[in-house]
Protein backbone atom coordinates (compact mmCIF):
# COMPACT_ATOMS: atom_id res chain seq x y z
CA MET A 1 -9.11 156.84 31.56
CA ILE A 2 -12.08 154.52 31.06
CA ARG A 3 -11.47 152.90 34.46
CA PHE A 4 -11.43 156.30 36.12
CA ARG A 5 -14.80 157.19 34.58
CA LEU A 6 -16.29 153.85 35.69
CA PHE A 7 -15.07 154.38 39.24
CA ALA A 8 -16.34 157.94 39.23
CA CYS A 9 -19.76 156.82 37.97
CA ALA A 10 -19.86 154.03 40.53
CA GLY A 11 -18.93 156.48 43.27
CA LEU A 12 -21.68 158.87 42.25
CA ALA A 13 -24.18 156.02 42.14
CA VAL A 14 -23.22 154.97 45.68
CA LEU A 15 -23.55 158.55 46.89
CA PHE A 16 -26.90 158.92 45.17
CA LEU A 17 -28.26 155.64 46.54
CA GLY A 18 -26.90 156.44 49.99
CA ALA A 19 -28.69 159.77 49.98
CA TRP A 20 -31.84 158.14 48.68
CA GLY A 21 -31.67 155.48 51.42
CA SER A 22 -31.49 158.18 54.09
CA ASP A 23 -34.73 159.73 52.91
CA PRO A 24 -36.84 160.40 56.04
CA ALA A 25 -39.97 159.09 54.34
CA LEU A 26 -38.18 155.84 53.44
CA GLY A 27 -36.87 155.49 56.99
CA GLN A 28 -40.38 155.98 58.31
CA THR A 29 -41.68 153.27 55.98
CA GLN A 30 -38.99 150.89 57.21
CA THR A 31 -39.86 151.71 60.82
CA GLN A 32 -43.54 151.08 60.13
CA ALA A 33 -42.72 147.73 58.50
CA GLN A 34 -40.62 146.74 61.51
CA ALA A 35 -43.44 147.75 63.86
CA GLN A 36 -45.95 145.69 61.85
CA ALA A 37 -43.67 142.65 61.89
CA GLN A 38 -43.21 142.99 65.64
CA ALA A 39 -46.98 143.35 66.21
CA GLN A 40 -47.65 140.23 64.11
CA ALA A 41 -45.04 138.27 66.06
CA GLN A 42 -46.69 139.31 69.32
CA ALA A 43 -50.18 138.51 68.00
CA ALA A 44 -49.22 135.00 66.91
CA PRO A 45 -50.13 132.57 69.68
CA ALA A 46 -47.30 130.61 71.22
CA PRO A 47 -47.47 126.88 70.53
CA LEU A 48 -49.15 124.93 73.29
CA VAL A 49 -46.99 122.78 75.56
CA LEU A 50 -47.99 119.20 76.37
CA ASN A 51 -46.06 118.06 79.45
CA ALA A 52 -46.13 114.71 81.29
CA SER A 53 -48.91 115.86 83.61
CA ALA A 54 -51.15 116.86 80.70
CA GLU A 55 -50.35 113.61 78.88
CA ALA A 56 -51.37 111.61 81.97
CA ALA A 57 -54.61 113.60 82.18
CA TRP A 58 -55.23 112.88 78.49
CA ALA A 59 -54.79 109.16 79.12
CA GLU A 60 -57.61 109.46 81.68
CA VAL A 61 -59.83 111.07 79.04
CA ARG A 62 -59.20 108.17 76.67
CA ALA A 63 -59.73 105.56 79.40
CA ALA A 64 -63.01 106.99 80.75
CA LEU A 65 -65.94 104.61 80.44
CA THR A 66 -68.85 106.79 81.52
CA PRO A 67 -69.90 110.29 80.46
CA SER A 68 -69.33 111.71 83.96
CA GLN A 69 -65.85 110.15 84.20
CA GLN A 70 -64.92 111.54 80.81
CA ALA A 71 -66.25 115.02 81.59
CA LEU A 72 -64.22 115.10 84.83
CA ALA A 73 -61.13 113.82 82.98
CA VAL A 74 -61.49 116.53 80.29
CA ARG A 75 -61.68 119.22 82.99
CA ARG A 76 -58.54 117.75 84.63
CA PHE A 77 -56.79 117.71 81.26
CA MET A 78 -57.67 121.36 80.64
CA ALA A 79 -56.36 122.28 84.12
CA ALA A 80 -53.10 120.37 83.48
CA LEU A 81 -52.78 122.05 80.07
CA ALA A 82 -53.33 125.49 81.64
CA ASN A 83 -50.71 124.69 84.27
CA ALA A 84 -48.21 123.54 81.61
CA ASN A 85 -48.71 126.72 79.55
CA GLY A 86 -48.95 129.17 82.43
CA ARG A 87 -52.37 130.41 81.35
CA PRO A 88 -55.82 129.01 80.58
CA VAL A 89 -55.86 127.73 77.02
CA VAL A 90 -58.33 126.08 74.69
CA PRO A 91 -56.56 123.95 72.08
CA PRO A 92 -57.79 123.97 68.49
CA MET A 93 -60.40 121.27 68.00
CA ASP A 94 -61.64 119.54 64.87
CA ALA A 95 -64.78 117.42 65.15
CA ARG A 96 -65.96 115.02 62.46
CA GLU A 97 -69.08 112.91 62.24
CA ILE A 98 -68.03 109.27 62.48
CA ALA A 99 -70.51 107.95 59.91
CA SER A 100 -69.96 110.50 57.14
CA GLY A 101 -66.66 112.22 57.99
CA ARG A 102 -68.41 115.60 57.76
CA ALA A 103 -66.63 118.34 59.73
CA ALA A 104 -68.54 120.11 62.48
CA ALA A 105 -67.80 123.46 64.04
CA ALA A 106 -67.31 123.60 67.80
CA ASP A 107 -70.59 125.50 68.14
CA ASP A 108 -72.55 123.22 65.77
CA PRO A 109 -75.84 122.29 67.48
CA ALA A 110 -75.65 118.76 66.05
CA LEU A 111 -72.29 118.21 67.73
CA LEU A 112 -73.60 119.38 71.07
CA GLN A 113 -76.86 117.41 70.78
CA ARG A 114 -75.30 114.09 69.69
CA PRO A 115 -71.63 114.19 70.71
CA GLN A 116 -71.38 110.36 70.66
CA ALA A 117 -71.73 110.47 66.87
CA TYR A 118 -68.52 112.51 66.50
CA GLU A 119 -64.80 112.10 66.90
CA ALA A 120 -62.86 115.09 68.22
CA THR A 121 -59.22 115.86 67.48
CA LEU A 122 -57.25 118.38 69.54
CA SER A 123 -53.98 119.90 68.30
CA VAL A 124 -51.55 120.30 71.19
CA GLY A 125 -47.78 120.60 71.07
CA GLY A 126 -47.55 119.33 67.50
CA ARG A 127 -49.58 116.22 68.36
CA PHE A 128 -53.12 115.21 67.51
CA LEU A 129 -55.15 113.96 70.47
CA ILE A 130 -58.22 112.01 69.37
CA PHE A 131 -61.21 110.94 71.45
CA ARG A 132 -64.90 110.19 71.14
CA PRO A 133 -66.96 112.41 73.42
CA LEU A 134 -69.50 110.54 75.51
CA SER A 135 -71.53 113.60 76.46
CA ARG A 136 -71.96 117.30 75.93
CA ALA A 137 -70.22 117.86 79.28
CA SER A 138 -67.05 116.38 77.77
CA LEU A 139 -67.06 118.99 74.99
CA GLU A 140 -68.00 122.07 76.99
CA PRO A 141 -64.50 122.75 78.42
CA LEU A 142 -63.11 122.43 74.89
CA THR A 143 -65.60 124.85 73.38
CA ARG A 144 -65.68 127.34 76.28
CA ARG A 145 -69.34 126.61 76.84
CA SER A 146 -70.79 126.20 80.27
CA ALA A 147 -73.54 123.85 81.27
CA PRO A 148 -77.04 125.39 81.12
């Protein structure tokens, strides 16, 4: 007799919860949550790809000896990176003053006026690409700034 009552109570609880779960307002909330999750997934940028061509272009950036060579190499690297990713991209950049280690924003006037005093780190494809800019022209493609 006790078992029958437990099963009956359990059955009623399942029916009650089932009816509660089919509440139109609850279904709408679930749909909204799914839509938000999908929108966030679409808004999250895809990780950048660093292929062999972009790596070779980066080696040119590191090997450049003059400001004009480095600026040209950075533009080639950005073109190779855009080609590898199928769209123009600007990788995240962190710049730090060499002497003090102080971080500088990409639009910091001090960084653009004295780029030789900074070290820039790009995050691409899970790797950190480090270089010392020789001129403002080397930073402009990385900060989406154009020459005046």
